[in-house]
C-alpha atoms as a PDB file:
ATOM      1  CA  UNK A   1      14.050  28.771  -1.261  1.00  0.00           C
ATOM      2  CA  UNK A   2      14.777  30.702  -4.107  1.00  0.00           C
ATOM      3  CA  UNK A   3      18.803  30.455  -3.558  1.00  0.00           C
ATOM      4  CA  UNK A   4      20.487  29.168  -6.691  1.00  0.00           C
ATOM      5  CA  UNK A   5      21.077  25.186  -6.808  1.00  0.00           C
ATOM      6  CA  UNK A   6      24.499  24.418  -7.403  1.00  0.00           C
ATOM      7  CA  UNK A   7      25.088  22.731 -10.767  1.00  0.00           C
ATOM      8  CA  UNK A   8      27.244  20.025  -9.561  1.00  0.00           C
ATOM      9  CA  UNK A   9      27.783  17.954  -6.892  1.00  0.00           C
ATOM     10  CA  UNK A  10      30.363  19.332  -4.090  1.00  0.00           C
ATOM     11  CA  UNK A  11      31.253  17.941  -0.592  1.00  0.00           C
ATOM     12  CA  UNK A  12      28.487  19.920   0.726  1.00  0.00           C
ATOM     13  CA  UNK A  13      26.140  17.781  -1.199  1.00  0.00           C
ATOM     14  CA  UNK A  14      23.373  15.833   0.834  1.00  0.00           C
ATOM     15  CA  UNK A  15      22.987  12.374  -0.469  1.00  0.00           C
ATOM     16  CA  UNK A  16      19.560  10.422  -0.650  1.00  0.00           C
ATOM     17  CA  UNK A  17      19.463   7.053  -2.524  1.00  0.00           C
ATOM     18  CA  UNK A  18      16.863   4.372  -3.932  1.00  0.00           C
ATOM     19  CA  UNK A  19      16.969   0.912  -3.812  1.00  0.00           C
ATOM     20  CA  UNK A  20      16.189  -1.792  -6.128  1.00  0.00           C
ATOM     21  CA  UNK A  21      16.768  -4.719  -7.936  1.00  0.00           C
ATOM     22  CA  UNK A  22      17.063  -4.156 -11.097  1.00  0.00           C
ATOM     23  CA  UNK A  23      17.142  -0.806 -10.741  1.00  0.00           C
ATOM     24  CA  UNK A  24      16.415   0.431 -14.377  1.00  0.00           C
ATOM     25  CA  UNK A  25      12.926   1.143 -13.912  1.00  0.00           C
ATOM     26  CA  UNK A  26      12.824   3.731 -11.659  1.00  0.00           C
ATOM     27  CA  UNK A  27      11.768   7.254 -11.648  1.00  0.00           C
ATOM     28  CA  UNK A  28      12.543   8.202  -8.292  1.00  0.00           C
ATOM     29  CA  UNK A  29      15.888  10.555  -9.092  1.00  0.00           C
ATOM     30  CA  UNK A  30      14.455  12.375 -11.694  1.00  0.00           C
ATOM     31  CA  UNK A  31      11.073  13.241  -9.755  1.00  0.00           C
ATOM     32  CA  UNK A  32      12.643  13.847  -6.402  1.00  0.00           C
ATOM     33  CA  UNK A  33      15.356  15.955  -8.228  1.00  0.00           C
ATOM     34  CA  UNK A  34      12.360  18.376  -8.963  1.00  0.00           C
ATOM     35  CA  UNK A  35      11.188  18.606  -5.227  1.00  0.00           C
ATOM     36  CA  UNK A  36      15.124  19.649  -4.527  1.00  0.00           C
ATOM     37  CA  UNK A  37      15.391  22.035  -7.363  1.00  0.00           C
ATOM     38  CA  UNK A  38      11.607  23.449  -5.608  1.00  0.00           C
ATOM     39  CA  UNK A  39      13.393  23.823  -2.543  1.00  0.00           C
ATOM     40  CA  UNK A  40      16.158  24.969  -3.316  1.00  0.00           C
ATOM     41  CA  UNK A  41      18.078  22.098  -1.668  1.00  0.00           C
ATOM     42  CA  UNK A  42      21.817  21.055  -2.181  1.00  0.00           C
ATOM     43  CA  UNK A  43      21.175  17.310  -2.231  1.00  0.00           C
ATOM     44  CA  UNK A  44      21.173  14.220  -5.097  1.00  0.00           C
ATOM     45  CA  UNK A  45      18.953  11.055  -4.671  1.00  0.00           C
ATOM     46  CA  UNK A  46      21.234   8.158  -6.514  1.00  0.00           C
ATOM     47  CA  UNK A  47      19.977   4.779  -7.757  1.00  0.00           C
ATOM     48  CA  UNK A  48      21.802   1.856  -5.556  1.00  0.00           C
ATOM     49  CA  UNK A  49      21.395  -1.872  -7.546  1.00  0.00           C
ATOM     50  CA  UNK A  50      21.284  -4.065  -4.368  1.00  0.00           C
ATOM     51  CA  UNK A  51      20.581  -7.885  -4.833  1.00  0.00           C
ATOM     52  CA  UNK A  52      18.353  -8.932  -1.742  1.00  0.00           C
ATOM     53  CA  UNK A  53      21.352 -11.040  -0.192  1.00  0.00           C
ATOM     54  CA  UNK A  54      23.714  -8.223  -0.122  1.00  0.00           C
ATOM     55  CA  UNK A  55      20.678  -5.313   1.462  1.00  0.00           C
ATOM     56  CA  UNK A  56      21.759  -5.725   4.980  1.00  0.00           C
ATOM     57  CA  UNK A  57      25.220  -4.986   4.207  1.00  0.00           C
ATOM     58  CA  UNK A  58      24.456  -1.836   2.169  1.00  0.00           C
ATOM     59  CA  UNK A  59      22.044  -0.484   5.077  1.00  0.00           C
ATOM     60  CA  UNK A  60      25.116  -1.149   7.483  1.00  0.00           C
ATOM     61  CA  UNK A  61      27.513   0.881   5.284  1.00  0.00           C
ATOM     62  CA  UNK A  62      24.552   3.610   4.587  1.00  0.00           C
ATOM     63  CA  UNK A  63      24.359   4.134   8.493  1.00  0.00           C
ATOM     64  CA  UNK A  64      27.695   5.076   8.803  1.00  0.00           C
ATOM     65  CA  UNK A  65      27.490   7.931   6.396  1.00  0.00           C
ATOM     66  CA  UNK A  66      27.241  10.961   8.221  1.00  0.00           C
ATOM     67  CA  UNK A  67      26.576  12.750   4.668  1.00  0.00           C
ATOM     68  CA  UNK A  68      23.720  10.687   3.807  1.00  0.00           C
ATOM     69  CA  UNK A  69      19.676  11.544   4.922  1.00  0.00           C
ATOM     70  CA  UNK A  70      17.981   8.851   3.966  1.00  0.00           C
ATOM     71  CA  UNK A  71      16.603   6.933   0.872  1.00  0.00           C
ATOM     72  CA  UNK A  72      13.532   5.353  -1.094  1.00  0.00           C
ATOM     73  CA  UNK A  73      13.008   1.284  -1.126  1.00  0.00           C
ATOM     74  CA  UNK A  74      10.858  -0.681  -4.134  1.00  0.00           C
ATOM     75  CA  UNK A  75      11.016  -4.023  -5.949  1.00  0.00           C
ATOM     76  CA  UNK A  76      11.713  -6.591  -4.053  1.00  0.00           C
ATOM     77  CA  UNK A  77      13.451  -4.994  -0.861  1.00  0.00           C
ATOM     78  CA  UNK A  78       9.943  -3.599   1.068  1.00  0.00           C
ATOM     79  CA  UNK A  79       9.297  -6.460   3.230  1.00  0.00           C
ATOM     80  CA  UNK A  80      12.858  -7.310   4.207  1.00  0.00           C
ATOM     81  CA  UNK A  81      12.991  -3.536   5.336  1.00  0.00           C
ATOM     82  CA  UNK A  82      10.758  -3.729   7.687  1.00  0.00           C
ATOM     83  CA  UNK A  83      13.230  -5.879   9.834  1.00  0.00           C
ATOM     84  CA  UNK A  84      16.448  -4.069   8.777  1.00  0.00           C
ATOM     85  CA  UNK A  85      15.206  -0.750  10.313  1.00  0.00           C
ATOM     86  CA  UNK A  86      15.937   0.207  13.701  1.00  0.00           C
ATOM     87  CA  UNK A  87      12.364   1.604  13.973  1.00  0.00           C
ATOM     88  CA  UNK A  88       9.063   1.673  11.237  1.00  0.00           C
ATOM     89  CA  UNK A  89       5.932   3.947  11.838  1.00  0.00           C
ATOM     90  CA  UNK A  90       2.715   1.534  12.725  1.00  0.00           C
ATOM     91  CA  UNK A  91       1.441   2.223   9.374  1.00  0.00           C
ATOM     92  CA  UNK A  92       4.789   0.121   7.920  1.00  0.00           C
ATOM     93  CA  UNK A  93       4.050  -1.955  11.181  1.00  0.00           C
ATOM     94  CA  UNK A  94       0.774  -3.065  10.152  1.00  0.00           C
ATOM     95  CA  UNK A  95       1.195  -3.474   6.041  1.00  0.00           C
ATOM     96  CA  UNK A  96       4.476  -5.323   6.655  1.00  0.00           C
ATOM     97  CA  UNK A  97       6.757  -3.256   3.965  1.00  0.00           C
ATOM     98  CA  UNK A  98       8.624   0.054   4.254  1.00  0.00           C
ATOM     99  CA  UNK A  99       8.927   2.326   1.315  1.00  0.00           C
ATOM    100  CA  UNK A 100      11.277   5.111   3.103  1.00  0.00           C
ATOM    101  CA  UNK A 101      13.709   5.430   5.232  1.00  0.00           C
ATOM    102  CA  UNK A 102      15.245   8.259   7.193  1.00  0.00           C
ATOM    103  CA  UNK A 103      18.938   8.135   8.521  1.00  0.00           C
ATOM    104  CA  UNK A 104      19.296   9.606  11.985  1.00  0.00           C
ATOM    105  CA  UNK A 105      21.843  11.798  13.089  1.00  0.00           C
ATOM    106  CA  UNK A 106      22.884   8.736  15.203  1.00  0.00           C
ATOM    107  CA  UNK A 107      23.619   6.619  12.108  1.00  0.00           C
ATOM    108  CA  UNK A 108      19.826   5.072  13.082  1.00  0.00           C
ATOM    109  CA  UNK A 109      17.564   3.872  10.355  1.00  0.00           C
ATOM    110  CA  UNK A 110      13.598   4.805  11.019  1.00  0.00           C
ATOM    111  CA  UNK A 111      10.692   3.527   8.066  1.00  0.00           C
ATOM    112  CA  UNK A 112       7.365   4.934   6.694  1.00  0.00           C
ATOM    113  CA  UNK A 113       5.282   2.769   4.505  1.00  0.00           C
ATOM    114  CA  UNK A 114       3.455   5.775   1.463  1.00  0.00           C
ATOM    115  CA  UNK A 115       2.819   4.063  -1.288  1.00  0.00           C
ATOM    116  CA  UNK A 116      -0.917   3.375  -0.320  1.00  0.00           C
ATOM    117  CA  UNK A 117      -1.489   7.195   0.069  1.00  0.00           C
ATOM    118  CA  UNK A 118       0.139   7.866  -2.671  1.00  0.00           C
ATOM    119  CA  UNK A 119      -2.247   5.581  -4.861  1.00  0.00           C
ATOM    120  CA  UNK A 120      -5.104   6.609  -3.334  1.00  0.00           C
ATOM    121  CA  UNK A 121      -4.256  10.373  -3.384  1.00  0.00           C
ATOM    122  CA  UNK A 122      -3.471   9.730  -7.677  1.00  0.00           C
ATOM    123  CA  UNK A 123      -6.447   7.436  -7.967  1.00  0.00           C
ATOM    124  CA  UNK A 124      -9.179   9.992  -6.747  1.00  0.00           C
ATOM    125  CA  UNK A 125      -7.219  12.922  -8.212  1.00  0.00           C
ATOM    126  CA  UNK A 126      -7.025  11.821 -11.634  1.00  0.00           C
ATOM    127  CA  UNK A 127     -10.004   9.266 -12.282  1.00  0.00           C
ATOM    128  CA  UNK A 128     -12.169  10.316  -9.820  1.00  0.00           C
ATOM    129  CA  UNK A 129     -12.739   7.038  -8.183  1.00  0.00           C
ATOM    130  CA  UNK A 130     -14.357   7.626  -4.668  1.00  0.00           C
ATOM    131  CA  UNK A 131     -13.193   3.602  -2.872  1.00  0.00           C
ATOM    132  CA  UNK A 132     -16.106   4.788  -0.011  1.00  0.00           C
ATOM    133  CA  UNK A 133     -18.688   1.974  -0.034  1.00  0.00           C
ATOM    134  CA  UNK A 134     -16.925   0.264  -3.363  1.00  0.00           C
ATOM    135  CA  UNK A 135     -15.265  -3.663  -4.081  1.00  0.00           C
ATOM    136  CA  UNK A 136     -11.970  -3.159  -5.124  1.00  0.00           C
ATOM    137  CA  UNK A 137      -9.468  -6.204  -6.325  1.00  0.00           C
ATOM    138  CA  UNK A 138      -5.564  -5.776  -5.504  1.00  0.00           C
ATOM    139  CA  UNK A 139      -3.588  -8.282  -7.058  1.00  0.00           C
ATOM    140  CA  UNK A 140      -0.663  -9.455  -5.052  1.00  0.00           C
ATOM    141  CA  UNK A 141       0.694  -9.490  -1.601  1.00  0.00           C
ATOM    142  CA  UNK A 142       3.953  -7.982  -1.862  1.00  0.00           C
ATOM    143  CA  UNK A 143       5.110  -4.557  -0.618  1.00  0.00           C
ATOM    144  CA  UNK A 144       3.019  -2.084  -2.589  1.00  0.00           C
ATOM    145  CA  UNK A 145       0.066  -4.424  -2.732  1.00  0.00           C
ATOM    146  CA  UNK A 146      -0.171  -4.553   1.183  1.00  0.00           C
ATOM    147  CA  UNK A 147      -0.045  -0.578   1.013  1.00  0.00           C
ATOM    148  CA  UNK A 148      -2.807  -0.096  -1.353  1.00  0.00           C
ATOM    149  CA  UNK A 149      -4.572  -2.661   0.055  1.00  0.00           C
ATOM    150  CA  UNK A 150      -4.472  -1.007   3.760  1.00  0.00           C
ATOM    151  CA  UNK A 151      -5.562   1.983   2.053  1.00  0.00           C
ATOM    152  CA  UNK A 152      -8.211   1.422  -0.024  1.00  0.00           C
ATOM    153  CA  UNK A 153      -9.120   0.090   3.567  1.00  0.00           C
ATOM    154  CA  UNK A 154      -8.720   3.444   5.461  1.00  0.00           C
ATOM    155  CA  UNK A 155     -10.507   5.071   2.781  1.00  0.00           C
ATOM    156  CA  UNK A 156     -13.520   3.518   2.828  1.00  0.00           C
ATOM    157  CA  UNK A 157     -13.905   0.207   0.525  1.00  0.00           C
ATOM    158  CA  UNK A 158     -16.687  -1.810   1.244  1.00  0.00           C
ATOM    159  CA  UNK A 159     -15.456  -4.928   0.174  1.00  0.00           C
ATOM    160  CA  UNK A 160     -11.349  -6.434  -0.843  1.00  0.00           C
ATOM    161  CA  UNK A 161     -10.142  -9.191  -2.764  1.00  0.00           C
ATOM    162  CA  UNK A 162      -6.886  -9.978  -2.581  1.00  0.00           C
ATOM    163  CA  UNK A 163      -5.436 -12.479  -5.244  1.00  0.00           C
ATOM    164  CA  UNK A 164      -1.672 -13.406  -4.857  1.00  0.00           C
ATOM    165  CA  UNK A 165      -0.222 -16.999  -6.768  1.00  0.00           C
ATOM    166  CA  UNK A 166       0.586 -18.218  -3.144  1.00  0.00           C
ATOM    167  CA  UNK A 167      -2.603 -18.392  -1.449  1.00  0.00           C
ATOM    168  CA  UNK A 168      -1.223 -18.101   2.391  1.00  0.00           C
ATOM    169  CA  UNK A 169       0.288 -14.662   1.315  1.00  0.00           C
ATOM    170  CA  UNK A 170      -3.225 -13.457   0.504  1.00  0.00           C
ATOM    171  CA  UNK A 171      -4.878 -14.856   3.120  1.00  0.00           C
ATOM    172  CA  UNK A 172      -1.699 -13.771   6.227  1.00  0.00           C
ATOM    173  CA  UNK A 173      -2.489  -9.829   4.352  1.00  0.00           C
ATOM    174  CA  UNK A 174      -6.187 -10.524   4.816  1.00  0.00           C
ATOM    175  CA  UNK A 175      -5.747 -11.277   8.606  1.00  0.00           C
ATOM    176  CA  UNK A 176      -3.645  -8.659   8.975  1.00  0.00           C
ATOM    177  CA  UNK A 177      -6.344  -6.420   6.931  1.00  0.00           C
ATOM    178  CA  UNK A 178      -9.091  -7.964   9.211  1.00  0.00           C
ATOM    179  CA  UNK A 179      -7.284  -7.104  12.299  1.00  0.00           C
ATOM    180  CA  UNK A 180      -6.805  -3.219  11.770  1.00  0.00           C
ATOM    181  CA  UNK A 181     -10.188  -3.056   9.822  1.00  0.00           C
ATOM    182  CA  UNK A 182     -12.881  -5.633  11.217  1.00  0.00           C
ATOM    183  CA  UNK A 183     -15.908  -4.655   9.525  1.00  0.00           C
ATOM    184  CA  UNK A 184     -14.530  -5.191   5.681  1.00  0.00           C
ATOM    185  CA  UNK A 185     -15.791  -7.854   3.644  1.00  0.00           C
ATOM    186  CA  UNK A 186     -12.538  -9.659   2.632  1.00  0.00           C
ATOM    187  CA  UNK A 187     -11.889 -12.219   0.158  1.00  0.00           C
ATOM    188  CA  UNK A 188      -8.964 -14.517  -1.645  1.00  0.00           C
ATOM    189  CA  UNK A 189     -10.865 -15.804  -4.779  1.00  0.00           C
ATOM    190  CA  UNK A 190      -8.554 -14.740  -7.672  1.00  0.00           C
ATOM    191  CA  UNK A 191     -11.358 -15.677 -10.128  1.00  0.00           C
ATOM    192  CA  UNK A 192     -13.385 -12.459  -8.884  1.00  0.00           C
ATOM    193  CA  UNK A 193     -12.218  -9.546 -11.118  1.00  0.00           C
ATOM    194  CA  UNK A 194     -15.683  -9.192 -12.733  1.00  0.00           C
ATOM    195  CA  UNK A 195     -17.591  -8.730  -9.535  1.00  0.00           C
ATOM    196  CA  UNK A 196     -15.343  -5.011  -8.472  1.00  0.00           C
ATOM    197  CA  UNK A 197     -15.367  -1.713  -9.249  1.00  0.00           C
ATOM    198  CA  UNK A 198     -11.635  -0.951  -9.013  1.00  0.00           C
ATOM    199  CA  UNK A 199      -9.256  -3.578 -10.593  1.00  0.00           C
ATOM    200  CA  UNK A 200      -5.414  -3.029  -9.158  1.00  0.00           C
ATOM    201  CA  UNK A 201      -2.116  -4.653 -10.264  1.00  0.00           C
ATOM    202  CA  UNK A 202       0.008  -4.347  -7.361  1.00  0.00           C
ATOM    203  CA  UNK A 203       2.678  -6.992  -8.503  1.00  0.00           C
ATOM    204  CA  UNK A 204       5.379  -6.495 -10.791  1.00  0.00           C
ATOM    205  CA  UNK A 205       4.597  -9.087 -13.625  1.00  0.00           C
ATOM    206  CA  UNK A 206       4.189  -6.501 -16.636  1.00  0.00           C
ATOM    207  CA  UNK A 207       7.536  -4.811 -16.413  1.00  0.00           C
ATOM    208  CA  UNK A 208       8.703  -7.682 -18.636  1.00  0.00           C
ATOM    209  CA  UNK A 209       7.400  -8.769 -21.765  1.00  0.00           C
ATOM    210  CA  UNK A 210       7.733 -12.301 -20.683  1.00  0.00           C
ATOM    211  CA  UNK A 211       5.776 -11.708 -17.843  1.00  0.00           C
ATOM    212  CA  UNK A 212       2.205 -13.767 -17.375  1.00  0.00           C
ATOM    213  CA  UNK A 213      -0.506 -11.330 -16.837  1.00  0.00           C
ATOM    214  CA  UNK A 214      -1.621 -10.520 -12.924  1.00  0.00           C
ATOM    215  CA  UNK A 215      -4.730 -11.440 -13.624  1.00  0.00           C
ATOM    216  CA  UNK A 216      -7.724 -12.625 -16.226  1.00  0.00           C
ATOM    217  CA  UNK A 217      -8.175  -9.519 -18.754  1.00  0.00           C
ATOM    218  CA  UNK A 218     -11.165 -11.014 -20.347  1.00  0.00           C
ATOM    219  CA  UNK A 219     -12.932 -10.521 -17.153  1.00  0.00           C
ATOM    220  CA  UNK A 220     -12.595  -6.623 -17.202  1.00  0.00           C
ATOM    221  CA  UNK A 221     -15.563  -4.189 -18.422  1.00  0.00           C
ATOM    222  CA  UNK A 222     -16.177  -0.846 -19.076  1.00  0.00           C
ATOM    223  CA  UNK A 223     -17.523   0.461 -15.840  1.00  0.00           C
ATOM    224  CA  UNK A 224     -14.083  -0.373 -13.732  1.00  0.00           C
ATOM    225  CA  UNK A 225     -11.216   1.535 -12.686  1.00  0.00           C
ATOM    226  CA  UNK A 226      -7.828   0.062 -13.846  1.00  0.00           C
ATOM    227  CA  UNK A 227      -5.055   1.043 -11.972  1.00  0.00           C
ATOM    228  CA  UNK A 228      -1.151  -0.649 -11.900  1.00  0.00           C
ATOM    229  CA  UNK A 229       1.632  -0.005  -9.483  1.00  0.00           C
ATOM    230  CA  UNK A 230       4.245  -0.493 -12.558  1.00  0.00           C
ATOM    231  CA  UNK A 231       5.732   2.910 -13.558  1.00  0.00           C
ATOM    232  CA  UNK A 232       8.374   1.536 -16.611  1.00  0.00           C
ATOM    233  CA  UNK A 233       6.992   0.449 -19.256  1.00  0.00           C
ATOM    234  CA  UNK A 234       3.913   3.153 -18.662  1.00  0.00           C
ATOM    235  CA  UNK A 235       1.242   1.068 -20.535  1.00  0.00           C
ATOM    236  CA  UNK A 236       1.349  -2.140 -19.097  1.00  0.00           C
ATOM    237  CA  UNK A 237      -0.404  -4.985 -21.175  1.00  0.00           C
ATOM    238  CA  UNK A 238      -3.083  -4.825 -18.220  1.00  0.00           C
ATOM    239  CA  UNK A 239      -3.646  -1.051 -19.161  1.00  0.00           C
ATOM    240  CA  UNK A 240      -3.532  -1.672 -22.472  1.00  0.00           C
ATOM    241  CA  UNK A 241      -6.271  -4.415 -22.348  1.00  0.00           C
ATOM    242  CA  UNK A 242      -8.163  -2.336 -19.830  1.00  0.00           C
ATOM    243  CA  UNK A 243      -7.968   0.720 -22.290  1.00  0.00           C
ATOM    244  CA  UNK A 244      -9.435  -1.305 -24.946  1.00  0.00           C
ATOM    245  CA  UNK A 245     -12.326  -2.557 -23.163  1.00  0.00           C
ATOM    246  CA  UNK A 246     -13.199   1.059 -22.371  1.00  0.00           C
ATOM    247  CA  UNK A 247     -12.026   1.253 -18.822  1.00  0.00           C
ATOM    248  CA  UNK A 248     -10.597   4.018 -16.783  1.00  0.00           C
ATOM    249  CA  UNK A 249      -7.310   3.776 -15.796  1.00  0.00           C
ATOM    250  CA  UNK A 250      -4.489   4.775 -13.592  1.00  0.00           C
ATOM    251  CA  UNK A 251      -0.434   4.340 -14.341  1.00  0.00           C
ATOM    252  CA  UNK A 252       2.301   3.790 -12.407  1.00  0.00           C
ATOM    253  CA  UNK A 253       4.170   7.034 -12.188  1.00  0.00           C
ATOM    254  CA  UNK A 254       0.994   9.280 -10.343  1.00  0.00           C
ATOM    255  CA  UNK A 255       1.629   7.151  -6.938  1.00  0.00           C
ATOM    256  CA  UNK A 256       4.886   8.436  -6.858  1.00  0.00           C
ATOM    257  CA  UNK A 257       4.480  11.573  -7.599  1.00  0.00           C
ATOM    258  CA  UNK A 258       1.474  12.052  -4.767  1.00  0.00           C
ATOM    259  CA  UNK A 259       3.818  10.896  -2.176  1.00  0.00           C
ATOM    260  CA  UNK A 260       7.305  12.328  -3.241  1.00  0.00           C
ATOM    261  CA  UNK A 261       7.170  15.120  -0.906  1.00  0.00           C
ATOM    262  CA  UNK A 262       5.830  13.393   2.157  1.00  0.00           C
ATOM    263  CA  UNK A 263       9.033  11.190   1.227  1.00  0.00           C
ATOM    264  CA  UNK A 264      11.772  14.002   1.375  1.00  0.00           C
ATOM    265  CA  UNK A 265       9.518  15.227   4.444  1.00  0.00           C
ATOM    266  CA  UNK A 266      10.120  11.965   6.181  1.00  0.00           C
ATOM    267  CA  UNK A 267      14.109  11.611   5.200  1.00  0.00           C
ATOM    268  CA  UNK A 268      14.343  14.665   6.470  1.00  0.00           C
ATOM    269  CA  UNK A 269      15.223  17.157   3.258  1.00  0.00           C
ATOM    270  CA  UNK A 270      12.168  19.234   4.019  1.00  0.00           C
ATOM    271  CA  UNK A 271      10.308  20.357   6.559  1.00  0.00           C
END
């Protein structure tokens, strides 16, 4: 645990990765590097910029690398990874997305989804918000949004609204949630922002200056907690609008920080 970590990558270094498109915004290499240092590991996590059309080819190549331990995946690859893994956990299967994959010794890829758990832990620890019995609004129906929706349902929210620009996707997510949580009150009314205790952006809208708003900012009120999954910029347009309204806010990076050791454990880097 206390042995000196090499300053350079060598032939003995264990390799891990993060897959994204684009890749510039990711914070995982820095955060995971601290985990590796803390545990005294000769390991490195590097960014892989891969377009959706080439994702399958990259996974095939990584499965052949004997010194490769696994990877984390983010926008826009989380949903696609479900079919590219050789096996996935029940959580990933229910959510319909994967964000962390372990490469077994025989090259098989085993996926799981940890975004939701990291989000709820961060939300509870940093804002003091307890989801049990509350009403939550989640913008989005992609990988991160699905994970956060399921985690909020697991944490006991009373009512959950899934809002997505493609209504069919919102309804499909609601149906999967209803199957696992039949007692949960569900809605896909995108215009009901004001009627919730918690408002969450699970989309990538807000990452770029030209993005349209993920929801109607004018409907926010000071008694709400507002969270965003985006890590860069640190203060998204949603978070700025929420802070100006007097809301408690949750930034995106803590969601990663609260699941990073779970990711390292799933990838087999630590026990």
